[in-house]
Amino acid sequence: MSNPDPNPKNSKNICFQIREDLKKCLLNSNCVVRDKKTLKECLSVSDGSVPTECQLIRNRYFHCKNISYRGRLY
């Protein structure tokens, strides 16, 4: 796997590390480990099986993607 392109105009690269942090956090959560749900399923649960830390990272990732997307519109 190659290193991400440092070009700040590429939204995939801007949010890459946040996405990786989110995946790591979710993979260690009870939602995945105990409840055997997929990462996608765990993004929308609100039963306490996803730690607050993961929810904060998720919000930061979505915010990053939204800002990156809006930047391409203007």
C-alpha atoms as a PDB file:
ATOM      1  CA  MET A   1       0.000   0.000   0.000  1.00  0.00           C
ATOM      2  CA  SER A   2       1.373   3.404  -0.911  1.00  0.00           C
ATOM      3  CA  ASN A   3       1.413   6.482   1.268  1.00  0.00           C
ATOM      4  CA  PRO A   4      -1.501   8.832   0.786  1.00  0.00           C
ATOM      5  CA  ASP A   5      -0.968  11.720  -1.588  1.00  0.00           C
ATOM      6  CA  PRO A   6      -0.233  14.849   0.467  1.00  0.00           C
ATOM      7  CA  ASN A   7      -2.329  16.987  -1.924  1.00  0.00           C
ATOM      8  CA  PRO A   8      -4.798  18.792   0.405  1.00  0.00           C
ATOM      9  CA  LYS A   9      -7.392  19.099  -2.376  1.00  0.00           C
ATOM     10  CA  ASN A  10      -7.895  15.326  -2.371  1.00  0.00           C
ATOM     11  CA  SER A  11     -10.630  14.612   0.213  1.00  0.00           C
ATOM     12  CA  LYS A  12      -9.639  10.956   0.525  1.00  0.00           C
ATOM     13  CA  ASN A  13      -6.218  12.009   1.786  1.00  0.00           C
ATOM     14  CA  ILE A  14      -7.447  14.743   4.106  1.00  0.00           C
ATOM     15  CA  CYS A  15      -9.698  12.374   6.034  1.00  0.00           C
ATOM     16  CA  PHE A  16      -7.636   9.188   5.642  1.00  0.00           C
ATOM     17  CA  GLN A  17      -6.134   9.097   9.142  1.00  0.00           C
ATOM     18  CA  ILE A  18      -9.447   9.901  10.820  1.00  0.00           C
ATOM     19  CA  ARG A  19     -11.056   7.053   8.861  1.00  0.00           C
ATOM     20  CA  GLU A  20      -8.324   4.658   9.965  1.00  0.00           C
ATOM     21  CA  ASP A  21      -8.752   5.744  13.600  1.00  0.00           C
ATOM     22  CA  LEU A  22     -12.500   5.168  13.313  1.00  0.00           C
ATOM     23  CA  LYS A  23     -12.021   1.677  11.870  1.00  0.00           C
ATOM     24  CA  LYS A  24      -9.571   0.767  14.623  1.00  0.00           C
ATOM     25  CA  CYS A  25     -11.879   2.085  17.332  1.00  0.00           C
ATOM     26  CA  LEU A  26     -14.929   0.262  15.968  1.00  0.00           C
ATOM     27  CA  LEU A  27     -13.021  -2.998  15.514  1.00  0.00           C
ATOM     28  CA  ASN A  28     -12.226  -2.941  19.243  1.00  0.00           C
ATOM     29  CA  SER A  29     -15.755  -2.010  20.310  1.00  0.00           C
ATOM     30  CA  ASN A  30     -18.312  -4.349  21.884  1.00  0.00           C
ATOM     31  CA  CYS A  31     -20.489  -3.753  18.856  1.00  0.00           C
ATOM     32  CA  VAL A  32     -18.054  -5.674  16.648  1.00  0.00           C
ATOM     33  CA  VAL A  33     -16.326  -7.954  19.164  1.00  0.00           C
ATOM     34  CA  ARG A  34     -19.245  -9.038  21.328  1.00  0.00           C
ATOM     35  CA  ASP A  35     -22.277  -8.386  19.137  1.00  0.00           C
ATOM     36  CA  LYS A  36     -20.605  -9.495  15.867  1.00  0.00           C
ATOM     37  CA  LYS A  37     -22.003  -6.566  13.880  1.00  0.00           C
ATOM     38  CA  THR A  38     -20.324  -5.106  10.822  1.00  0.00           C
ATOM     39  CA  LEU A  39     -18.538  -1.768  10.931  1.00  0.00           C
ATOM     40  CA  LYS A  40     -21.330  -0.261   8.862  1.00  0.00           C
ATOM     41  CA  GLU A  41     -23.963  -1.519  11.295  1.00  0.00           C
ATOM     42  CA  CYS A  42     -21.984  -0.167  14.235  1.00  0.00           C
ATOM     43  CA  LEU A  43     -21.920   3.325  12.727  1.00  0.00           C
ATOM     44  CA  SER A  44     -25.642   3.699  13.385  1.00  0.00           C
ATOM     45  CA  VAL A  45     -26.238   1.887  16.688  1.00  0.00           C
ATOM     46  CA  SER A  46     -27.115   3.775  19.851  1.00  0.00           C
ATOM     47  CA  ASP A  47     -27.293   0.900  22.331  1.00  0.00           C
ATOM     48  CA  GLY A  48     -24.098   1.734  24.214  1.00  0.00           C
ATOM     49  CA  SER A  49     -21.974  -0.911  22.464  1.00  0.00           C
ATOM     50  CA  VAL A  50     -19.953   1.766  20.662  1.00  0.00           C
ATOM     51  CA  PRO A  51     -17.781   3.852  23.007  1.00  0.00           C
ATOM     52  CA  THR A  52     -18.135   7.631  23.135  1.00  0.00           C
ATOM     53  CA  GLU A  53     -14.602   7.905  21.748  1.00  0.00           C
ATOM     54  CA  CYS A  54     -15.683   6.106  18.553  1.00  0.00           C
ATOM     55  CA  GLN A  55     -18.749   8.316  18.246  1.00  0.00           C
ATOM     56  CA  LEU A  56     -16.571  11.419  18.512  1.00  0.00           C
ATOM     57  CA  ILE A  57     -14.189  10.079  15.855  1.00  0.00           C
ATOM     58  CA  ARG A  58     -17.186   9.233  13.639  1.00  0.00           C
ATOM     59  CA  ASN A  59     -18.483  12.793  13.956  1.00  0.00           C
ATOM     60  CA  ARG A  60     -15.047  14.212  13.171  1.00  0.00           C
ATOM     61  CA  TYR A  61     -14.778  11.949  10.100  1.00  0.00           C
ATOM     62  CA  PHE A  62     -18.216  12.919   8.765  1.00  0.00           C
ATOM     63  CA  HIS A  63     -17.408  16.589   9.379  1.00  0.00           C
ATOM     64  CA  CYS A  64     -14.115  16.183   7.510  1.00  0.00           C
ATOM     65  CA  LYS A  65     -15.843  14.523   4.563  1.00  0.00           C
ATOM     66  CA  ASN A  66     -18.542  17.194   4.496  1.00  0.00           C
ATOM     67  CA  ILE A  67     -16.011  20.040   4.468  1.00  0.00           C
ATOM     68  CA  SER A  68     -13.992  18.291   1.764  1.00  0.00           C
ATOM     69  CA  TYR A  69     -17.085  17.750  -0.354  1.00  0.00           C
ATOM     70  CA  ARG A  70     -18.273  21.338   0.011  1.00  0.00           C
ATOM     71  CA  GLY A  71     -14.832  22.554  -0.995  1.00  0.00           C
ATOM     72  CA  ARG A  72     -15.181  20.751  -4.322  1.00  0.00           C
ATOM     73  CA  LEU A  73     -18.521  22.430  -5.005  1.00  0.00           C
ATOM     74  CA  TYR A  74     -17.156  25.984  -4.932  1.00  0.00           C
END
